[in-house]
Protein backbone atom coordinates (compact mmCIF):
# COMPACT_ATOMS: atom_id res chain seq x y z
CA MET A 1 15.54 11.77 -9.63
CA ARG A 2 17.79 8.76 -9.24
CA ALA A 3 16.94 6.31 -6.45
CA ALA A 4 18.77 3.37 -4.87
CA VAL A 5 16.22 0.65 -4.08
CA LEU A 6 17.22 -1.93 -1.50
CA LEU A 7 15.97 -5.07 -3.26
CA SER A 8 15.39 -8.28 -1.31
CA GLY A 9 13.87 -11.49 -2.59
CA GLY A 10 10.57 -10.71 -0.87
CA ILE A 11 7.26 -9.32 -2.09
CA ASP A 12 7.50 -5.69 -1.00
CA SER A 13 10.76 -4.21 -2.29
CA PRO A 14 10.20 -5.14 -5.97
CA VAL A 15 6.82 -3.40 -5.75
CA ALA A 16 8.51 -0.34 -4.22
CA ALA A 17 10.98 -0.30 -7.12
CA TYR A 18 8.11 -0.50 -9.61
CA VAL A 19 6.15 2.30 -7.90
CA MET A 20 9.19 4.60 -7.92
CA ALA A 21 9.97 3.83 -11.56
CA SER A 22 6.34 4.51 -12.46
CA ALA A 23 6.65 7.87 -10.70
CA GLY A 24 9.56 8.76 -12.98
CA ALA A 25 12.55 7.83 -10.82
CA ASP A 26 15.69 6.41 -12.42
CA VAL A 27 16.09 3.24 -10.35
CA MET A 28 19.26 1.42 -9.33
CA LEU A 29 18.95 -1.85 -7.40
CA LEU A 30 21.10 -2.84 -4.42
CA HIS A 31 20.83 -6.26 -2.78
CA MET A 32 22.36 -6.90 0.63
CA ASP A 33 23.80 -10.41 0.44
CA ASN A 34 23.41 -12.14 3.81
CA GLY A 35 26.14 -14.66 3.00
CA PRO A 36 26.12 -17.49 5.58
CA TYR A 37 23.04 -15.97 7.24
CA GLY A 38 20.97 -16.36 4.08
CA ASP A 39 20.25 -18.79 1.26
CA PRO A 40 22.25 -18.81 -2.01
CA LYS A 41 18.94 -19.27 -3.84
CA GLU A 42 18.01 -15.76 -2.71
CA LEU A 43 20.59 -14.30 -5.09
CA GLU A 44 19.00 -16.02 -8.05
CA LYS A 45 15.57 -14.80 -6.96
CA VAL A 46 16.88 -11.25 -6.85
CA ARG A 47 18.33 -11.58 -10.35
CA LEU A 48 14.98 -12.86 -11.63
CA LEU A 49 13.14 -10.02 -9.89
CA ALA A 50 15.48 -7.45 -11.41
CA GLU A 51 14.95 -8.97 -14.86
CA ARG A 52 11.17 -8.84 -14.46
CA LEU A 53 11.31 -5.24 -13.22
CA ARG A 54 13.31 -4.25 -16.29
CA GLU A 55 10.70 -5.87 -18.51
CA VAL A 56 7.70 -4.25 -16.85
CA THR A 57 9.22 -0.75 -16.47
CA GLY A 58 11.41 -0.50 -19.55
CA GLN A 59 14.28 0.75 -17.40
CA GLY A 60 17.82 -0.67 -17.34
CA MET A 61 17.81 -0.95 -13.52
CA PRO A 62 21.41 -2.06 -12.90
CA LEU A 63 21.67 -4.59 -10.06
CA PHE A 64 24.45 -4.49 -7.47
CA PHE A 65 25.32 -6.82 -4.59
CA ALA A 66 26.87 -5.84 -1.24
CA ASP A 67 28.38 -8.17 1.36
CA HIS A 68 26.06 -8.00 4.37
CA GLY A 69 27.13 -11.25 6.00
CA SER A 70 30.10 -9.64 7.76
CA SER A 71 27.82 -6.96 9.21
CA GLN A 72 25.36 -9.62 10.36
CA LYS A 73 28.21 -11.46 12.13
CA LEU A 74 29.29 -8.28 13.88
CA ILE A 75 25.73 -7.50 14.92
CA GLY A 76 25.07 -11.03 16.14
CA GLU A 77 28.21 -11.15 18.25
CA GLY A 78 28.15 -7.62 19.68
CA CYS A 79 24.58 -6.38 19.98
CA VAL A 80 21.73 -7.00 22.37
CA PRO A 81 19.80 -9.80 20.60
CA ALA A 82 16.51 -7.89 20.56
CA TYR A 83 18.16 -5.07 18.59
CA ARG A 84 19.60 -7.24 15.79
CA CYS A 85 16.87 -6.40 13.25
CA VAL A 86 17.13 -2.68 13.99
CA MET A 87 20.92 -2.82 13.63
CA CYS A 88 20.57 -4.82 10.42
CA LYS A 89 18.32 -2.17 8.87
CA LYS A 90 20.64 0.57 10.16
CA ALA A 91 23.64 -1.12 8.53
CA MET A 92 21.74 -1.54 5.27
CA GLN A 93 20.79 2.12 5.16
CA LEU A 94 24.33 3.26 5.98
CA THR A 95 25.66 1.07 3.15
CA ALA A 96 22.96 2.30 0.78
CA LYS A 97 23.80 5.92 1.64
CA LEU A 98 27.45 5.38 0.67
CA PHE A 99 26.36 3.60 -2.51
CA SER A 100 23.95 6.45 -3.31
CA ILE A 101 26.59 9.13 -2.88
CA GLU A 102 28.99 7.26 -5.15
CA HIS A 103 26.38 6.68 -7.87
CA GLY A 104 24.61 10.03 -7.74
CA CYS A 105 21.38 8.78 -6.21
CA ASP A 106 19.13 11.32 -4.52
CA ALA A 107 17.36 8.93 -2.15
CA ILE A 108 17.23 5.42 -0.74
CA VAL A 109 14.01 3.47 -1.29
CA LEU A 110 12.74 0.76 1.06
CA GLY A 111 9.74 -1.56 0.76
CA ASP A 112 8.59 -0.89 4.32
CA SER A 113 4.88 -1.09 5.13
CA LEU A 114 4.07 0.35 8.54
CA GLY A 115 3.79 -2.28 11.26
CA GLN A 116 4.08 -5.27 8.93
CA VAL A 117 7.10 -6.75 10.72
CA ALA A 118 9.09 -5.87 13.83
CA SER A 119 11.63 -3.68 12.03
CA GLN A 120 8.82 -1.61 10.52
CA THR A 121 7.08 -0.24 13.59
CA LEU A 122 7.12 3.55 13.71
CA ARG A 123 9.55 3.65 16.63
CA ASN A 124 11.90 1.14 15.02
CA ILE A 125 11.86 3.01 11.72
CA ASN A 126 12.78 6.17 13.61
CA ALA A 127 15.63 4.43 15.45
CA GLU A 128 16.94 2.81 12.26
CA GLN A 129 17.04 6.06 10.29
CA ALA A 130 18.20 8.39 13.08
CA GLY A 131 21.47 10.13 12.20
CA LEU A 132 21.50 8.93 8.59
CA CYS A 133 21.11 12.46 7.18
CA PHE A 134 20.01 11.17 3.78
CA PRO A 135 16.53 10.92 2.23
CA VAL A 136 14.76 7.58 2.66
CA LEU A 137 11.54 7.00 0.72
CA ARG A 138 8.96 4.34 1.63
CA PRO A 139 6.37 4.36 -1.16
CA LEU A 140 4.42 1.42 0.35
CA ILE A 141 4.26 2.75 3.90
CA GLY A 142 0.46 3.09 4.06
CA LEU A 143 -0.48 -0.03 2.06
CA ASP A 144 -1.56 -3.28 3.67
CA LYS A 145 -0.15 -6.64 2.59
CA ASN A 146 -3.05 -7.53 0.31
CA GLU A 147 -2.69 -4.26 -1.59
CA ILE A 148 1.03 -4.90 -2.09
CA ILE A 149 0.39 -8.49 -3.20
CA ASP A 150 -2.17 -7.28 -5.74
CA ILE A 151 0.42 -4.99 -7.33
CA ALA A 152 3.06 -7.74 -7.24
CA LYS A 153 0.71 -10.11 -9.08
CA ARG A 154 -0.18 -7.47 -11.64
CA ILE A 155 3.46 -6.70 -12.49
CA GLY A 156 4.61 -10.33 -12.46
CA THR A 157 6.97 -10.31 -9.48
CA TYR A 158 4.78 -12.21 -7.02
CA GLY A 159 5.47 -15.69 -8.37
CA ILE A 160 9.21 -15.07 -8.08
CA SER A 161 9.01 -13.53 -4.62
CA ILE A 162 7.18 -16.52 -3.11
CA ILE A 163 9.80 -19.06 -4.22
CA GLN A 164 10.74 -20.70 -0.93
CA THR A 165 14.18 -20.09 0.62
CA LYS A 166 15.57 -20.50 4.12
CA GLY A 167 15.11 -16.80 4.88
CA CYS A 168 17.31 -14.80 7.24
CA LEU A 169 19.05 -16.93 9.88
CA ALA A 170 20.03 -13.93 12.02
CA VAL A 171 16.53 -12.96 13.20
CA PRO A 172 16.26 -13.08 17.02
CA GLN A 173 13.43 -14.85 18.84
CA LYS A 174 12.06 -11.63 20.33
CA PRO A 175 12.97 -8.54 18.28
CA VAL A 176 12.38 -5.17 19.88
CA THR A 177 9.35 -3.25 18.57
CA GLU A 178 9.89 0.01 20.45
CA ALA A 179 13.55 0.80 19.83
CA THR A 180 14.94 4.20 20.78
CA PRO A 181 17.41 6.24 18.69
CA GLU A 182 19.66 6.54 21.74
CA LYS A 183 19.86 2.80 22.36
CA ALA A 184 20.33 2.08 18.67
CA ALA A 185 23.13 4.65 18.47
CA GLU A 186 24.83 3.14 21.54
CA GLN A 187 24.68 -0.35 20.00
CA ALA A 188 25.99 0.94 16.66
CA GLU A 189 28.93 2.73 18.28
CA ARG A 190 29.78 -0.29 20.42
CA ILE A 191 30.30 -2.56 17.41
CA GLY A 192 31.62 0.01 14.94
CA LEU A 193 28.65 -0.21 12.59
CA GLU A 194 29.72 2.72 10.40
CA ALA A 195 33.05 1.03 9.64
CA ALA A 196 31.21 -2.20 8.86
CA ALA A 197 28.91 -0.33 6.48
CA ARG A 198 31.93 1.22 4.78
CA ALA A 199 33.44 -2.25 4.30
CA SER A 200 30.12 -3.45 2.92
CA ALA A 201 29.97 -0.50 0.50
CA ASP A 202 33.53 -1.22 -0.61
CA SER A 203 32.51 -4.80 -1.40
CA ILE A 204 29.73 -3.80 -3.83
CA ARG A 205 29.82 -5.62 -7.14
CA GLN A 206 27.53 -6.24 -10.10
């Protein structure tokens, strides 16, 4: 099985990549570059994480970057503020689906842990994935943060992941925690999220 792992500079997604590689998956890494809504240092963190994952798994794990800043701008200007995180995750998954189809990946892998942050409540996960029609695996879904941190320390990604950056500047003050597929679909259609995801997929580079 070949899997496209959405790799951020955080603690969870590198662990998800490691778990999938350990289970025998051929892993490709895709980072969604937030552009002006992120920190340039995040890109270097991601490169360091990819390098460490290659060392600990023995896999090549090619790393790709997609422009996500334009999608964030569209979401910020056109969506209900509370739904920005849900729309962000929806855009990421749509982009990852297109990437997966092009590169022969069988599934998308996310580092979600149930209820850890607003975008990872059960209802939000359902709204984010609704209509995607492509497998999404969440190997950390039932682990708590301490369990994930323990794995990150053991494989040597933790020290990289905790390097301080500005984080995402597009997060709203009060993100929704009980999104509905219908509302998410209405927001996505309003701003043309599928076209934005296509543009993001077309921007992918190594």
